Amino acid sequence: MIKAVMRGLAATALALLPLTAPIPAHAADTLPLADAVARLQPATESRDGYTRDAFKHWNTGLDPADGCNTRNEVLLDEAVEPPAVGPGCRLTGGRWWSYYDATWVSSASGLDIDHMVPLAEAWDSGASTWTPARREAYANDQGAATSLIAVTARSNRSKADQDPAQWLPPAADAHCRYVAEWVGTKLRWNLTADDAELAALSEAAEACPERTVTYELAP
């Protein structure tokens, strides 16, 4: 009788386990750049219906209590020399390295926060089917250090919404890093790539045999 009761309690506990056990986080994956490019799903891109307003940004960031929006949180996180933070999260001083064009920047106003994969490109590559909440999460993604990058306004506006088949950073030494971060961002968000983009990424991977890509699927 006692054994039967114990077996019943154990079965009940096992039945409840899936409801109470924490869902494991996605593990980060690291692989050679060429293998990461091969993981991208090919697809034809379409910009039908795109509007920048479909991606709400900047929101209140990781810590709504700090008074800083996503843009300023990224600036604080990437500062080589931290700026002073005033009322309303006004940043003064500080120093940043813009790796796109190998330039030091000493004023937050001289920086843009670049979406590694631009919003329009994300739309073309699958984000058009997402919910508004997921597009907001993408546009403010601080879960991966490579999703949002502080760079000179000049380099960011030169890039605009172009993919690596059309644009690479002015600093040649930055190309391998940039392509790896682009591929990692696309894999993180399960975004596709068109034929011209895949060809450019494959060519870059051949030129960067030692480069690896580390990414974790977005929640």
Protein backbone atom coordinates (compact mmCIF):
# COMPACT_ATOMS: atom_id res chain seq x y z
CA MET A 1 0.00 0.00 0.00
CA ILE A 2 2.76 2.45 0.98
CA LYS A 3 4.73 1.60 -2.16
CA ALA A 4 1.66 2.24 -4.29
CA VAL A 5 1.13 5.65 -2.68
CA MET A 6 4.79 6.57 -3.18
CA ARG A 7 4.62 5.55 -6.83
CA GLY A 8 1.52 7.69 -7.23
CA LEU A 9 3.22 10.71 -5.65
CA ALA A 10 6.27 10.26 -7.87
CA ALA A 11 4.10 10.07 -10.98
CA THR A 12 2.26 13.22 -9.95
CA ALA A 13 5.54 15.05 -9.39
CA LEU A 14 6.79 13.99 -12.82
CA ALA A 15 3.58 15.12 -14.44
CA LEU A 16 3.91 18.56 -12.86
CA LEU A 17 7.61 18.95 -13.68
CA PRO A 18 7.22 20.37 -17.21
CA LEU A 19 4.94 23.05 -15.79
CA THR A 20 7.34 24.18 -13.09
CA ALA A 21 10.84 23.50 -14.41
CA PRO A 22 12.62 26.52 -15.93
CA ILE A 23 12.96 26.57 -19.71
CA PRO A 24 16.67 26.27 -20.57
CA ALA A 25 18.22 29.24 -22.38
CA HIS A 26 19.59 28.79 -25.87
CA ALA A 27 23.27 27.96 -25.72
CA ALA A 28 25.74 30.14 -27.60
CA ASP A 29 27.28 28.54 -30.66
CA THR A 30 30.75 29.26 -32.07
CA LEU A 31 31.81 28.13 -35.52
CA PRO A 32 34.10 29.19 -38.38
CA LEU A 33 32.82 32.10 -40.45
CA ALA A 34 32.45 29.95 -43.59
CA ASP A 35 30.30 27.44 -41.68
CA ALA A 36 28.21 30.25 -40.21
CA VAL A 37 27.56 31.67 -43.70
CA ALA A 38 26.46 28.21 -44.79
CA ARG A 39 23.82 28.22 -42.03
CA LEU A 40 22.06 31.26 -43.48
CA GLN A 41 18.84 30.45 -45.25
CA PRO A 42 18.67 31.81 -48.82
CA ALA A 43 15.56 33.75 -49.80
CA THR A 44 14.44 36.53 -52.10
CA GLU A 45 14.10 39.82 -50.26
CA SER A 46 11.08 42.12 -50.39
CA ARG A 47 10.69 45.61 -48.94
CA ASP A 48 6.96 45.76 -49.57
CA GLY A 49 5.19 47.58 -46.73
CA TYR A 50 8.36 48.65 -44.94
CA THR A 51 8.34 51.67 -42.67
CA ARG A 52 10.96 52.56 -40.09
CA ASP A 53 8.16 53.20 -37.61
CA ALA A 54 7.42 49.45 -37.63
CA PHE A 55 10.48 49.08 -35.35
CA LYS A 56 9.89 51.03 -32.14
CA HIS A 57 13.16 52.53 -30.91
CA TRP A 58 14.72 53.76 -28.80
CA ASN A 59 12.83 52.35 -25.83
CA THR A 60 13.68 52.55 -22.12
CA GLY A 61 16.50 50.03 -22.47
CA LEU A 62 17.57 47.25 -20.16
CA ASP A 63 16.99 49.30 -17.00
CA PRO A 64 13.93 51.55 -17.20
CA ALA A 65 14.85 52.98 -13.80
CA ASP A 66 18.17 54.44 -14.98
CA GLY A 67 16.51 57.18 -17.05
CA CYS A 68 18.58 56.22 -20.13
CA ASN A 69 17.11 54.97 -23.38
CA THR A 70 18.67 52.17 -25.42
CA ARG A 71 20.88 54.57 -27.37
CA ASN A 72 22.47 56.00 -24.24
CA GLU A 73 22.81 52.62 -22.56
CA VAL A 74 24.77 51.39 -25.58
CA LEU A 75 26.95 54.51 -25.49
CA LEU A 76 27.67 53.94 -21.80
CA ASP A 77 28.44 50.27 -22.38
CA GLU A 78 30.80 50.88 -25.31
CA ALA A 79 32.63 53.94 -23.97
CA VAL A 80 36.39 53.43 -23.71
CA GLU A 81 36.47 56.37 -21.32
CA PRO A 82 33.08 56.68 -19.57
CA PRO A 83 31.17 59.95 -19.95
CA ALA A 84 29.60 61.84 -17.08
CA VAL A 85 25.87 61.17 -16.77
CA GLY A 86 23.70 64.19 -15.96
CA PRO A 87 19.98 64.72 -15.42
CA GLY A 88 17.85 63.05 -18.06
CA CYS A 89 20.82 60.80 -18.90
CA ARG A 90 22.63 63.66 -20.62
CA LEU A 91 26.13 62.43 -21.48
CA THR A 92 29.13 64.73 -21.42
CA GLY A 93 32.74 63.89 -22.08
CA GLY A 94 33.79 60.32 -22.67
CA ARG A 95 35.63 58.67 -25.54
CA TRP A 96 34.62 56.00 -28.05
CA TRP A 97 36.34 53.99 -30.79
CA SER A 98 34.41 53.75 -34.06
CA TYR A 99 35.80 50.56 -35.57
CA TYR A 100 34.10 51.05 -38.94
CA ASP A 101 36.44 53.90 -39.81
CA ALA A 102 39.15 53.55 -37.14
CA THR A 103 38.23 56.88 -35.57
CA TRP A 104 38.24 58.15 -31.98
CA VAL A 105 35.15 60.15 -31.00
CA SER A 106 35.02 62.36 -27.92
CA SER A 107 31.40 63.53 -28.04
CA ALA A 108 28.27 61.38 -27.82
CA SER A 109 26.57 63.68 -30.31
CA GLY A 110 29.10 62.62 -32.96
CA LEU A 111 28.01 58.99 -32.74
CA ASP A 112 25.17 56.99 -34.21
CA ILE A 113 24.02 53.65 -32.84
CA ASP A 114 24.09 51.38 -35.87
CA HIS A 115 21.86 48.36 -36.16
CA MET A 116 24.39 45.82 -37.42
CA VAL A 117 21.71 44.49 -39.77
CA PRO A 118 19.73 47.63 -40.64
CA LEU A 119 16.03 47.76 -39.90
CA ALA A 120 15.09 47.81 -43.59
CA GLU A 121 17.35 44.84 -44.29
CA ALA A 122 15.83 42.97 -41.35
CA TRP A 123 12.37 43.67 -42.76
CA ASP A 124 13.45 42.34 -46.16
CA SER A 125 14.89 39.22 -44.53
CA GLY A 126 11.98 38.06 -42.42
CA ALA A 127 11.04 40.75 -39.87
CA SER A 128 8.04 41.76 -42.00
CA THR A 129 6.24 38.71 -40.56
CA TRP A 130 7.11 39.46 -36.93
CA THR A 131 4.86 40.96 -34.30
CA PRO A 132 5.42 44.64 -33.36
CA ALA A 133 6.80 43.47 -30.00
CA ARG A 134 9.44 41.28 -31.65
CA ARG A 135 10.45 44.08 -34.01
CA GLU A 136 10.83 46.36 -30.98
CA ALA A 137 13.00 43.73 -29.28
CA TYR A 138 15.16 43.54 -32.41
CA ALA A 139 15.53 47.30 -32.71
CA ASN A 140 16.67 47.57 -29.07
CA ASP A 141 18.63 44.33 -28.80
CA GLN A 142 21.29 44.56 -26.10
CA GLY A 143 21.35 40.81 -25.57
CA ALA A 144 24.28 40.51 -27.99
CA ALA A 145 27.15 42.98 -27.95
CA THR A 146 27.29 43.03 -31.76
CA SER A 147 23.64 43.89 -32.49
CA LEU A 148 24.00 47.62 -31.79
CA ILE A 149 27.30 49.40 -32.44
CA ALA A 150 28.38 52.96 -31.60
CA VAL A 151 30.09 54.37 -34.70
CA THR A 152 30.67 57.74 -36.30
CA ALA A 153 27.56 59.29 -37.77
CA ARG A 154 29.45 59.66 -41.04
CA SER A 155 30.16 55.93 -41.39
CA ASN A 156 26.69 54.89 -40.30
CA ARG A 157 25.01 57.16 -42.81
CA SER A 158 27.35 55.95 -45.53
CA LYS A 159 26.23 52.41 -44.77
CA ALA A 160 22.51 53.33 -44.64
CA ASP A 161 20.48 50.14 -45.27
CA GLN A 162 23.03 48.34 -47.45
CA ASP A 163 24.18 44.76 -46.97
CA PRO A 164 27.80 43.53 -47.34
CA ALA A 165 27.35 43.01 -51.08
CA GLN A 166 26.95 46.79 -51.33
CA TRP A 167 28.92 48.23 -48.41
CA LEU A 168 31.81 47.34 -46.11
CA PRO A 169 33.45 49.57 -43.49
CA PRO A 170 35.97 52.13 -44.78
CA ALA A 171 38.66 50.60 -42.55
CA ALA A 172 39.87 47.52 -44.46
CA ASP A 173 41.10 45.90 -41.23
CA ALA A 174 37.51 45.90 -39.99
CA HIS A 175 36.06 43.80 -42.81
CA CYS A 176 36.47 40.35 -41.25
CA ARG A 177 35.03 41.49 -37.92
CA TYR A 178 32.15 43.27 -39.61
CA VAL A 179 31.14 40.33 -41.78
CA ALA A 180 31.29 37.95 -38.80
CA GLU A 181 29.09 40.26 -36.73
CA TRP A 182 26.65 40.65 -39.63
CA VAL A 183 26.34 36.88 -40.05
CA GLY A 184 26.02 36.35 -36.29
CA THR A 185 23.20 38.90 -36.09
CA LYS A 186 21.31 37.28 -38.96
CA LEU A 187 21.65 33.85 -37.34
CA ARG A 188 20.67 35.21 -33.92
CA TRP A 189 17.39 36.50 -35.35
CA ASN A 190 16.86 33.78 -37.95
CA LEU A 191 17.01 36.24 -40.85
CA THR A 192 17.53 35.11 -44.42
CA ALA A 193 20.02 36.32 -47.07
CA ASP A 194 19.61 36.89 -50.80
CA ASP A 195 21.92 35.47 -53.47
CA ALA A 196 24.12 38.55 -53.91
CA GLU A 197 24.54 38.88 -50.14
CA LEU A 198 25.43 35.20 -49.74
CA ALA A 199 28.01 35.45 -52.52
CA ALA A 200 29.64 38.48 -50.87
CA LEU A 201 29.65 36.79 -47.46
CA SER A 202 31.16 33.60 -48.86
CA GLU A 203 33.90 35.59 -50.58
CA ALA A 204 34.62 37.44 -47.35
CA ALA A 205 34.75 34.16 -45.42
CA GLU A 206 37.43 32.87 -47.80
CA ALA A 207 39.48 35.98 -47.06
CA CYS A 208 38.99 35.55 -43.29
CA PRO A 209 39.81 31.85 -42.63
CA GLU A 210 40.66 32.39 -38.96
CA ARG A 211 37.51 34.35 -38.11
CA THR A 212 34.80 32.66 -36.05
CA VAL A 213 31.19 33.60 -35.36
CA THR A 214 29.59 33.30 -31.92
CA TYR A 215 25.86 33.78 -31.63
CA GLU A 216 22.95 32.89 -29.40
CA LEU A 217 19.38 32.67 -30.68
CA ALA A 218 17.28 35.64 -29.64
CA PRO A 219 14.59 34.80 -27.07
